[in-house]
């Protein structure tokens, strides 16, 4: 029996990487960030680790609300996209 324990390394690249953003609107991102704030009872200036952060949509949204964010992901293309978007908004986020 063959097992591929690293299936996720290929799954989250290629086609998935190209289409995933079509399902994520800014409105949905804001609602999800609202939920995170509410359920965790956190206030701006709190430090938050987002793993896996993907293209950084929630990391960037929370950073824009005043949280100190660190985003971690294995997908270098997503991280590049996240860095570029955060830089456009002049947000200081620790990407890894």
PDB file of N, CA and C in Angstrom:
ATOM      1  N   UNK A   1       0.836  -1.174   0.000  1.00  0.00           N
ATOM      2  CA  UNK A   1       0.000   0.000   0.000  1.00  0.00           C
ATOM      3  C   UNK A   1       0.889   1.248   0.000  1.00  0.00           C
ATOM      4  N   UNK A   2       0.609   2.159  -0.910  1.00  0.00           N
ATOM      5  CA  UNK A   2       1.387   3.386  -1.024  1.00  0.00           C
ATOM      6  C   UNK A   2       0.675   4.501  -0.269  1.00  0.00           C
ATOM      7  N   UNK A   3       1.443   5.229   0.521  1.00  0.00           N
ATOM      8  CA  UNK A   3       0.884   6.334   1.281  1.00  0.00           C
ATOM      9  C   UNK A   3       1.640   7.606   0.925  1.00  0.00           C
ATOM     10  N   UNK A   4       0.905   8.650   0.682  1.00  0.00           N
ATOM     11  CA  UNK A   4       1.537   9.930   0.400  1.00  0.00           C
ATOM     12  C   UNK A   4       1.198  10.889   1.535  1.00  0.00           C
ATOM     13  N   UNK A   5       2.032  10.928   2.528  1.00  0.00           N
ATOM     14  CA  UNK A   5       1.791  11.773   3.707  1.00  0.00           C
ATOM     15  C   UNK A   5       1.951  13.259   3.402  1.00  0.00           C
ATOM     16  N   UNK A   6       2.585  13.562   2.299  1.00  0.00           N
ATOM     17  CA  UNK A   6       2.812  14.958   1.939  1.00  0.00           C
ATOM     18  C   UNK A   6       1.861  15.446   0.849  1.00  0.00           C
ATOM     19  N   UNK A   7       0.676  14.858   0.753  1.00  0.00           N
ATOM     20  CA  UNK A   7      -0.295  15.212  -0.277  1.00  0.00           C
ATOM     21  C   UNK A   7      -0.598  16.699  -0.295  1.00  0.00           C
ATOM     22  N   UNK A   8      -0.632  17.305   0.865  1.00  0.00           N
ATOM     23  CA  UNK A   8      -1.013  18.702   1.016  1.00  0.00           C
ATOM     24  C   UNK A   8      -0.019  19.659   0.370  1.00  0.00           C
ATOM     25  N   UNK A   9       1.243  19.228   0.221  1.00  0.00           N
ATOM     26  CA  UNK A   9       2.245  20.108  -0.382  1.00  0.00           C
ATOM     27  C   UNK A   9       1.911  20.427  -1.832  1.00  0.00           C
ATOM     28  N   UNK A  10       1.333  19.471  -2.532  1.00  0.00           N
ATOM     29  CA  UNK A  10       0.950  19.705  -3.924  1.00  0.00           C
ATOM     30  C   UNK A  10      -0.480  20.228  -4.026  1.00  0.00           C
ATOM     31  N   UNK A  11      -1.353  19.802  -3.123  1.00  0.00           N
ATOM     32  CA  UNK A  11      -2.752  20.200  -3.188  1.00  0.00           C
ATOM     33  C   UNK A  11      -2.919  21.712  -3.133  1.00  0.00           C
ATOM     34  N   UNK A  12      -2.188  22.380  -2.258  1.00  0.00           N
ATOM     35  CA  UNK A  12      -2.346  23.816  -2.059  1.00  0.00           C
ATOM     36  C   UNK A  12      -1.490  24.656  -2.990  1.00  0.00           C
ATOM     37  N   UNK A  13      -1.093  24.088  -4.111  1.00  0.00           N
ATOM     38  CA  UNK A  13      -0.397  24.827  -5.156  1.00  0.00           C
ATOM     39  C   UNK A  13      -1.168  24.613  -6.457  1.00  0.00           C
ATOM     40  N   UNK A  14      -0.689  25.164  -7.532  1.00  0.00           N
ATOM     41  CA  UNK A  14      -1.324  24.938  -8.824  1.00  0.00           C
ATOM     42  C   UNK A  14      -2.747  25.463  -8.883  1.00  0.00           C
ATOM     43  N   UNK A  15      -3.674  24.597  -9.244  1.00  0.00           N
ATOM     44  CA  UNK A  15      -5.067  24.994  -9.453  1.00  0.00           C
ATOM     45  C   UNK A  15      -5.673  25.617  -8.204  1.00  0.00           C
ATOM     46  N   UNK A  16      -5.472  24.983  -7.048  1.00  0.00           N
ATOM     47  CA  UNK A  16      -6.027  25.546  -5.806  1.00  0.00           C
ATOM     48  C   UNK A  16      -5.535  26.960  -5.587  1.00  0.00           C
ATOM     49  N   UNK A  17      -4.264  27.168  -5.784  1.00  0.00           N
ATOM     50  CA  UNK A  17      -3.667  28.489  -5.591  1.00  0.00           C
ATOM     51  C   UNK A  17      -4.288  29.504  -6.547  1.00  0.00           C
ATOM     52  N   UNK A  18      -4.604  29.074  -7.747  1.00  0.00           N
ATOM     53  CA  UNK A  18      -5.155  29.971  -8.749  1.00  0.00           C
ATOM     54  C   UNK A  18      -6.615  30.344  -8.490  1.00  0.00           C
ATOM     55  N   UNK A  19      -7.412  29.440  -7.914  1.00  0.00           N
ATOM     56  CA  UNK A  19      -8.853  29.701  -7.793  1.00  0.00           C
ATOM     57  C   UNK A  19      -9.342  30.052  -6.393  1.00  0.00           C
ATOM     58  N   UNK A  20      -8.561  29.798  -5.366  1.00  0.00           N
ATOM     59  CA  UNK A  20      -9.089  29.956  -4.003  1.00  0.00           C
ATOM     60  C   UNK A  20      -9.574  31.368  -3.696  1.00  0.00           C
ATOM     61  N   UNK A  21      -8.920  32.379  -4.248  1.00  0.00           N
ATOM     62  CA  UNK A  21      -9.296  33.752  -3.921  1.00  0.00           C
ATOM     63  C   UNK A  21     -10.661  34.146  -4.469  1.00  0.00           C
ATOM     64  N   UNK A  22     -11.172  33.431  -5.465  1.00  0.00           N
ATOM     65  CA  UNK A  22     -12.485  33.749  -6.012  1.00  0.00           C
ATOM     66  C   UNK A  22     -13.612  33.471  -5.018  1.00  0.00           C
ATOM     67  N   UNK A  23     -13.347  32.669  -4.011  1.00  0.00           N
ATOM     68  CA  UNK A  23     -14.362  32.297  -3.033  1.00  0.00           C
ATOM     69  C   UNK A  23     -14.304  33.160  -1.771  1.00  0.00           C
ATOM     70  N   UNK A  24     -13.376  34.077  -1.735  1.00  0.00           N
ATOM     71  CA  UNK A  24     -13.162  34.869  -0.531  1.00  0.00           C
ATOM     72  C   UNK A  24     -13.358  36.347  -0.831  1.00  0.00           C
ATOM     73  N   UNK A  25     -14.465  36.903  -0.405  1.00  0.00           N
ATOM     74  CA  UNK A  25     -14.730  38.323  -0.609  1.00  0.00           C
ATOM     75  C   UNK A  25     -14.198  39.125   0.578  1.00  0.00           C
ATOM     76  N   UNK A  26     -14.047  40.419   0.400  1.00  0.00           N
ATOM     77  CA  UNK A  26     -13.623  41.286   1.500  1.00  0.00           C
ATOM     78  C   UNK A  26     -14.667  41.255   2.613  1.00  0.00           C
ATOM     79  N   UNK A  27     -15.939  41.220   2.234  1.00  0.00           N
ATOM     80  CA  UNK A  27     -17.011  41.157   3.234  1.00  0.00           C
ATOM     81  C   UNK A  27     -16.877  39.900   4.097  1.00  0.00           C
ATOM     82  N   UNK A  28     -16.607  38.778   3.467  1.00  0.00           N
ATOM     83  CA  UNK A  28     -16.439  37.523   4.214  1.00  0.00           C
ATOM     84  C   UNK A  28     -15.213  37.598   5.132  1.00  0.00           C
ATOM     85  N   UNK A  29     -14.134  38.170   4.623  1.00  0.00           N
ATOM     86  CA  UNK A  29     -12.919  38.322   5.434  1.00  0.00           C
ATOM     87  C   UNK A  29     -13.208  39.174   6.659  1.00  0.00           C
ATOM     88  N   UNK A  30     -13.938  40.273   6.480  1.00  0.00           N
ATOM     89  CA  UNK A  30     -14.269  41.141   7.608  1.00  0.00           C
ATOM     90  C   UNK A  30     -15.149  40.426   8.629  1.00  0.00           C
ATOM     91  N   UNK A  31     -16.135  39.659   8.147  1.00  0.00           N
ATOM     92  CA  UNK A  31     -17.003  38.887   9.061  1.00  0.00           C
ATOM     93  C   UNK A  31     -16.192  37.858   9.847  1.00  0.00           C
ATOM     94  N   UNK A  32     -15.262  37.184   9.178  1.00  0.00           N
ATOM     95  CA  UNK A  32     -14.449  36.188   9.854  1.00  0.00           C
ATOM     96  C   UNK A  32     -13.526  36.848  10.881  1.00  0.00           C
ATOM     97  N   UNK A  33     -12.986  38.004  10.552  1.00  0.00           N
ATOM     98  CA  UNK A  33     -12.152  38.732  11.513  1.00  0.00           C
ATOM     99  C   UNK A  33     -12.993  39.192  12.708  1.00  0.00           C
ATOM    100  N   UNK A  34     -14.216  39.653  12.454  1.00  0.00           N
ATOM    101  CA  UNK A  34     -15.135  40.021  13.544  1.00  0.00           C
ATOM    102  C   UNK A  34     -15.365  38.822  14.467  1.00  0.00           C
ATOM    103  N   UNK A  35     -15.586  37.658  13.869  1.00  0.00           N
ATOM    104  CA  UNK A  35     -15.814  36.438  14.638  1.00  0.00           C
ATOM    105  C   UNK A  35     -14.597  36.101  15.507  1.00  0.00           C
ATOM    106  N   UNK A  36     -13.414  36.206  14.931  1.00  0.00           N
ATOM    107  CA  UNK A  36     -12.184  35.917  15.676  1.00  0.00           C
ATOM    108  C   UNK A  36     -12.068  36.851  16.872  1.00  0.00           C
ATOM    109  N   UNK A  37     -12.304  38.146  16.649  1.00  0.00           N
ATOM    110  CA  UNK A  37     -12.239  39.105  17.753  1.00  0.00           C
ATOM    111  C   UNK A  37     -13.255  38.773  18.837  1.00  0.00           C
ATOM    112  N   UNK A  38     -14.449  38.429  18.430  1.00  0.00           N
ATOM    113  CA  UNK A  38     -15.526  38.164  19.372  1.00  0.00           C
ATOM    114  C   UNK A  38     -15.298  36.877  20.168  1.00  0.00           C
ATOM    115  N   UNK A  39     -14.982  35.810  19.470  1.00  0.00           N
ATOM    116  CA  UNK A  39     -14.864  34.507  20.143  1.00  0.00           C
ATOM    117  C   UNK A  39     -13.634  34.441  21.048  1.00  0.00           C
ATOM    118  N   UNK A  40     -12.553  35.117  20.635  1.00  0.00           N
ATOM    119  CA  UNK A  40     -11.328  35.092  21.440  1.00  0.00           C
ATOM    120  C   UNK A  40     -11.263  36.220  22.462  1.00  0.00           C
ATOM    121  N   UNK A  41     -12.194  37.166  22.360  1.00  0.00           N
ATOM    122  CA  UNK A  41     -12.239  38.309  23.286  1.00  0.00           C
ATOM    123  C   UNK A  41     -10.905  39.043  23.313  1.00  0.00           C
ATOM    124  N   UNK A  42     -10.374  39.310  22.118  1.00  0.00           N
ATOM    125  CA  UNK A  42      -9.084  39.988  22.012  1.00  0.00           C
ATOM    126  C   UNK A  42      -9.283  41.458  21.661  1.00  0.00           C
ATOM    127  N   UNK A  43      -8.295  42.239  21.986  1.00  0.00           N
ATOM    128  CA  UNK A  43      -8.314  43.668  21.705  1.00  0.00           C
ATOM    129  C   UNK A  43      -7.095  44.019  20.861  1.00  0.00           C
ATOM    130  N   UNK A  44      -7.214  45.085  20.047  1.00  0.00           N
ATOM    131  CA  UNK A  44      -6.059  45.528  19.261  1.00  0.00           C
ATOM    132  C   UNK A  44      -4.820  45.691  20.132  1.00  0.00           C
ATOM    133  N   UNK A  45      -3.708  45.449  19.552  1.00  0.00           N
ATOM    134  CA  UNK A  45      -2.352  45.373  20.127  1.00  0.00           C
ATOM    135  C   UNK A  45      -2.012  43.967  20.610  1.00  0.00           C
ATOM    136  N   UNK A  46      -3.006  43.067  20.665  1.00  0.00           N
ATOM    137  CA  UNK A  46      -2.694  41.676  21.008  1.00  0.00           C
ATOM    138  C   UNK A  46      -1.817  41.090  19.903  1.00  0.00           C
ATOM    139  N   UNK A  47      -1.004  40.115  20.254  1.00  0.00           N
ATOM    140  CA  UNK A  47      -0.159  39.428  19.284  1.00  0.00           C
ATOM    141  C   UNK A  47      -0.864  38.149  18.843  1.00  0.00           C
ATOM    142  N   UNK A  48      -0.958  37.948  17.515  1.00  0.00           N
ATOM    143  CA  UNK A  48      -1.678  36.805  16.966  1.00  0.00           C
ATOM    144  C   UNK A  48      -0.801  36.073  15.967  1.00  0.00           C
ATOM    145  N   UNK A  49      -0.801  34.766  16.073  1.00  0.00           N
ATOM    146  CA  UNK A  49      -0.091  33.902  15.134  1.00  0.00           C
ATOM    147  C   UNK A  49      -1.122  33.248  14.230  1.00  0.00           C
ATOM    148  N   UNK A  50      -0.994  33.445  12.921  1.00  0.00           N
ATOM    149  CA  UNK A  50      -1.912  32.880  11.937  1.00  0.00           C
ATOM    150  C   UNK A  50      -1.198  31.767  11.173  1.00  0.00           C
ATOM    151  N   UNK A  51      -1.598  30.514  11.457  1.00  0.00           N
ATOM    152  CA  UNK A  51      -0.972  29.346  10.825  1.00  0.00           C
ATOM    153  C   UNK A  51      -2.049  28.379  10.369  1.00  0.00           C
ATOM    154  N   UNK A  52      -2.136  27.982   9.155  1.00  0.00           N
ATOM    155  CA  UNK A  52      -1.420  28.535   8.008  1.00  0.00           C
ATOM    156  C   UNK A  52      -2.121  29.802   7.535  1.00  0.00           C
ATOM    157  N   UNK A  53      -1.354  30.791   7.178  1.00  0.00           N
ATOM    158  CA  UNK A  53      -1.940  32.087   6.820  1.00  0.00           C
ATOM    159  C   UNK A  53      -2.322  32.186   5.352  1.00  0.00           C
ATOM    160  N   UNK A  54      -1.880  31.236   4.537  1.00  0.00           N
ATOM    161  CA  UNK A  54      -2.222  31.284   3.119  1.00  0.00           C
ATOM    162  C   UNK A  54      -1.777  32.585   2.485  1.00  0.00           C
ATOM    163  N   UNK A  55      -2.696  33.239   1.787  1.00  0.00           N
ATOM    164  CA  UNK A  55      -2.344  34.494   1.113  1.00  0.00           C
ATOM    165  C   UNK A  55      -2.449  35.705   2.031  1.00  0.00           C
ATOM    166  N   UNK A  56      -2.691  35.461   3.307  1.00  0.00           N
ATOM    167  CA  UNK A  56      -2.654  36.522   4.301  1.00  0.00           C
ATOM    168  C   UNK A  56      -3.907  37.354   4.451  1.00  0.00           C
ATOM    169  N   UNK A  57      -5.023  36.920   3.882  1.00  0.00           N
ATOM    170  CA  UNK A  57      -6.221  37.761   3.915  1.00  0.00           C
ATOM    171  C   UNK A  57      -6.659  38.091   5.333  1.00  0.00           C
ATOM    172  N   UNK A  58      -6.706  37.111   6.228  1.00  0.00           N
ATOM    173  CA  UNK A  58      -7.097  37.393   7.618  1.00  0.00           C
ATOM    174  C   UNK A  58      -5.960  38.062   8.390  1.00  0.00           C
ATOM    175  N   UNK A  59      -4.749  37.676   8.104  1.00  0.00           N
ATOM    176  CA  UNK A  59      -3.587  38.291   8.760  1.00  0.00           C
ATOM    177  C   UNK A  59      -3.577  39.786   8.478  1.00  0.00           C
ATOM    178  N   UNK A  60      -3.771  40.139   7.225  1.00  0.00           N
ATOM    179  CA  UNK A  60      -3.770  41.548   6.817  1.00  0.00           C
ATOM    180  C   UNK A  60      -4.960  42.290   7.422  1.00  0.00           C
ATOM    181  N   UNK A  61      -6.136  41.688   7.395  1.00  0.00           N
ATOM    182  CA  UNK A  61      -7.317  42.328   7.970  1.00  0.00           C
ATOM    183  C   UNK A  61      -7.127  42.602   9.461  1.00  0.00           C
ATOM    184  N   UNK A  62      -6.622  41.621  10.189  1.00  0.00           N
ATOM    185  CA  UNK A  62      -6.416  41.809  11.624  1.00  0.00           C
ATOM    186  C   UNK A  62      -5.303  42.819  11.901  1.00  0.00           C
ATOM    187  N   UNK A  63      -4.257  42.818  11.095  1.00  0.00           N
ATOM    188  CA  UNK A  63      -3.191  43.815  11.256  1.00  0.00           C
ATOM    189  C   UNK A  63      -3.741  45.221  11.029  1.00  0.00           C
ATOM    190  N   UNK A  64      -4.650  45.361  10.069  1.00  0.00           N
ATOM    191  CA  UNK A  64      -5.237  46.679   9.802  1.00  0.00           C
ATOM    192  C   UNK A  64      -6.109  47.151  10.964  1.00  0.00           C
ATOM    193  N   UNK A  65      -6.509  46.229  11.820  1.00  0.00           N
ATOM    194  CA  UNK A  65      -7.310  46.567  13.006  1.00  0.00           C
ATOM    195  C   UNK A  65      -6.444  46.824  14.234  1.00  0.00           C
ATOM    196  N   UNK A  66      -5.128  46.735  14.066  1.00  0.00           N
ATOM    197  CA  UNK A  66      -4.216  47.083  15.156  1.00  0.00           C
ATOM    198  C   UNK A  66      -3.550  45.919  15.858  1.00  0.00           C
ATOM    199  N   UNK A  67      -3.772  44.707  15.400  1.00  0.00           N
ATOM    200  CA  UNK A  67      -3.133  43.545  16.023  1.00  0.00           C
ATOM    201  C   UNK A  67      -1.723  43.372  15.491  1.00  0.00           C
ATOM    202  N   UNK A  68      -0.845  42.858  16.327  1.00  0.00           N
ATOM    203  CA  UNK A  68       0.522  42.545  15.919  1.00  0.00           C
ATOM    204  C   UNK A  68       0.496  41.114  15.367  1.00  0.00           C
ATOM    205  N   UNK A  69       0.696  40.995  14.066  1.00  0.00           N
ATOM    206  CA  UNK A  69       0.473  39.723  13.386  1.00  0.00           C
ATOM    207  C   UNK A  69       1.764  39.048  12.933  1.00  0.00           C
ATOM    208  N   UNK A  70       1.755  37.714  13.046  1.00  0.00           N
ATOM    209  CA  UNK A  70       2.766  36.863  12.434  1.00  0.00           C
ATOM    210  C   UNK A  70       2.005  35.851  11.598  1.00  0.00           C
ATOM    211  N   UNK A  71       2.375  35.747  10.330  1.00  0.00           N
ATOM    212  CA  UNK A  71       1.746  34.796   9.430  1.00  0.00           C
ATOM    213  C   UNK A  71       2.757  33.761   8.963  1.00  0.00           C
ATOM    214  N   UNK A  72       2.388  32.500   9.064  1.00  0.00           N
ATOM    215  CA  UNK A  72       3.284  31.403   8.667  1.00  0.00           C
ATOM    216  C   UNK A  72       2.568  30.522   7.649  1.00  0.00           C
ATOM    217  N   UNK A  73       3.289  30.189   6.571  1.00  0.00           N
ATOM    218  CA  UNK A  73       2.758  29.271   5.580  1.00  0.00           C
ATOM    219  C   UNK A  73       3.920  28.622   4.840  1.00  0.00           C
ATOM    220  N   UNK A  74       3.698  27.414   4.337  1.00  0.00           N
ATOM    221  CA  UNK A  74       4.742  26.720   3.586  1.00  0.00           C
ATOM    222  C   UNK A  74       4.766  27.170   2.129  1.00  0.00           C
ATOM    223  N   UNK A  75       3.670  27.754   1.649  1.00  0.00           N
ATOM    224  CA  UNK A  75       3.542  28.118   0.244  1.00  0.00           C
ATOM    225  C   UNK A  75       4.197  29.482  -0.005  1.00  0.00           C
ATOM    226  N   UNK A  76       5.355  29.456  -0.623  1.00  0.00           N
ATOM    227  CA  UNK A  76       6.117  30.687  -0.853  1.00  0.00           C
ATOM    228  C   UNK A  76       5.390  31.653  -1.778  1.00  0.00           C
ATOM    229  N   UNK A  77       4.595  31.135  -2.703  1.00  0.00           N
ATOM    230  CA  UNK A  77       3.834  32.015  -3.596  1.00  0.00           C
ATOM    231  C   UNK A  77       2.767  32.780  -2.828  1.00  0.00           C
ATOM    232  N   UNK A  78       2.082  32.105  -1.918  1.00  0.00           N
ATOM    233  CA  UNK A  78       1.098  32.779  -1.083  1.00  0.00           C
ATOM    234  C   UNK A  78       1.767  33.847  -0.215  1.00  0.00           C
ATOM    235  N   UNK A  79       2.911  33.503   0.365  1.00  0.00           N
ATOM    236  CA  UNK A  79       3.611  34.461   1.217  1.00  0.00           C
ATOM    237  C   UNK A  79       4.067  35.688   0.430  1.00  0.00           C
ATOM    238  N   UNK A  80       4.522  35.483  -0.779  1.00  0.00           N
ATOM    239  CA  UNK A  80       4.927  36.610  -1.633  1.00  0.00           C
ATOM    240  C   UNK A  80       3.730  37.524  -1.891  1.00  0.00           C
ATOM    241  N   UNK A  81       2.600  36.930  -2.237  1.00  0.00           N
ATOM    242  CA  UNK A  81       1.369  37.681  -2.469  1.00  0.00           C
ATOM    243  C   UNK A  81       0.965  38.439  -1.201  1.00  0.00           C
ATOM    244  N   UNK A  82       1.033  37.774  -0.058  1.00  0.00           N
ATOM    245  CA  UNK A  82       0.662  38.389   1.225  1.00  0.00           C
ATOM    246  C   UNK A  82       1.573  39.572   1.546  1.00  0.00           C
ATOM    247  N   UNK A  83       2.872  39.384   1.375  1.00  0.00           N
ATOM    248  CA  UNK A  83       3.822  40.480   1.633  1.00  0.00           C
ATOM    249  C   UNK A  83       3.514  41.689   0.765  1.00  0.00           C
ATOM    250  N   UNK A  84       3.272  41.439  -0.520  1.00  0.00           N
ATOM    251  CA  UNK A  84       2.995  42.540  -1.441  1.00  0.00           C
ATOM    252  C   UNK A  84       1.731  43.294  -1.033  1.00  0.00           C
ATOM    253  N   UNK A  85       0.689  42.571  -0.664  1.00  0.00           N
ATOM    254  CA  UNK A  85      -0.559  43.224  -0.248  1.00  0.00           C
ATOM    255  C   UNK A  85      -0.390  43.985   1.057  1.00  0.00           C
ATOM    256  N   UNK A  86       0.343  43.420   1.995  1.00  0.00           N
ATOM    257  CA  UNK A  86       0.583  44.108   3.261  1.00  0.00           C
ATOM    258  C   UNK A  86       1.428  45.365   3.043  1.00  0.00           C
ATOM    259  N   UNK A  87       2.417  45.270   2.154  1.00  0.00           N
ATOM    260  CA  UNK A  87       3.256  46.436   1.865  1.00  0.00           C
ATOM    261  C   UNK A  87       2.436  47.564   1.246  1.00  0.00           C
ATOM    262  N   UNK A  88       1.496  47.225   0.355  1.00  0.00           N
ATOM    263  CA  UNK A  88       0.632  48.243  -0.266  1.00  0.00           C
ATOM    264  C   UNK A  88      -0.167  48.990   0.786  1.00  0.00           C
ATOM    265  N   UNK A  89      -0.530  48.304   1.863  1.00  0.00           N
ATOM    266  CA  UNK A  89      -1.320  48.904   2.931  1.00  0.00           C
ATOM    267  C   UNK A  89      -0.439  49.435   4.070  1.00  0.00           C
ATOM    268  N   UNK A  90       0.872  49.314   3.874  1.00  0.00           N
ATOM    269  CA  UNK A  90       1.862  49.778   4.859  1.00  0.00           C
ATOM    270  C   UNK A  90       1.646  49.152   6.232  1.00  0.00           C
ATOM    271  N   UNK A  91       1.431  47.824   6.194  1.00  0.00           N
ATOM    272  CA  UNK A  91       1.233  47.065   7.435  1.00  0.00           C
ATOM    273  C   UNK A  91       2.522  46.299   7.769  1.00  0.00           C
ATOM    274  N   UNK A  92       2.898  46.358   9.017  1.00  0.00           N
ATOM    275  CA  UNK A  92       4.098  45.670   9.484  1.00  0.00           C
ATOM    276  C   UNK A  92       3.706  44.287  10.009  1.00  0.00           C
ATOM    277  N   UNK A  93       3.925  43.274   9.191  1.00  0.00           N
ATOM    278  CA  UNK A  93       3.568  41.900   9.543  1.00  0.00           C
ATOM    279  C   UNK A  93       4.802  41.032   9.423  1.00  0.00           C
ATOM    280  N   UNK A  94       4.986  40.146  10.367  1.00  0.00           N
ATOM    281  CA  UNK A  94       6.102  39.208  10.339  1.00  0.00           C
ATOM    282  C   UNK A  94       5.664  37.969   9.549  1.00  0.00           C
ATOM    283  N   UNK A  95       6.181  37.828   8.325  1.00  0.00           N
ATOM    284  CA  UNK A  95       5.831  36.689   7.463  1.00  0.00           C
ATOM    285  C   UNK A  95       6.930  35.656   7.534  1.00  0.00           C
ATOM    286  N   UNK A  96       6.550  34.401   7.684  1.00  0.00           N
ATOM    287  CA  UNK A  96       7.528  33.309   7.721  1.00  0.00           C
ATOM    288  C   UNK A  96       7.068  32.165   6.875  1.00  0.00           C
TER     289      UNK A  96
END
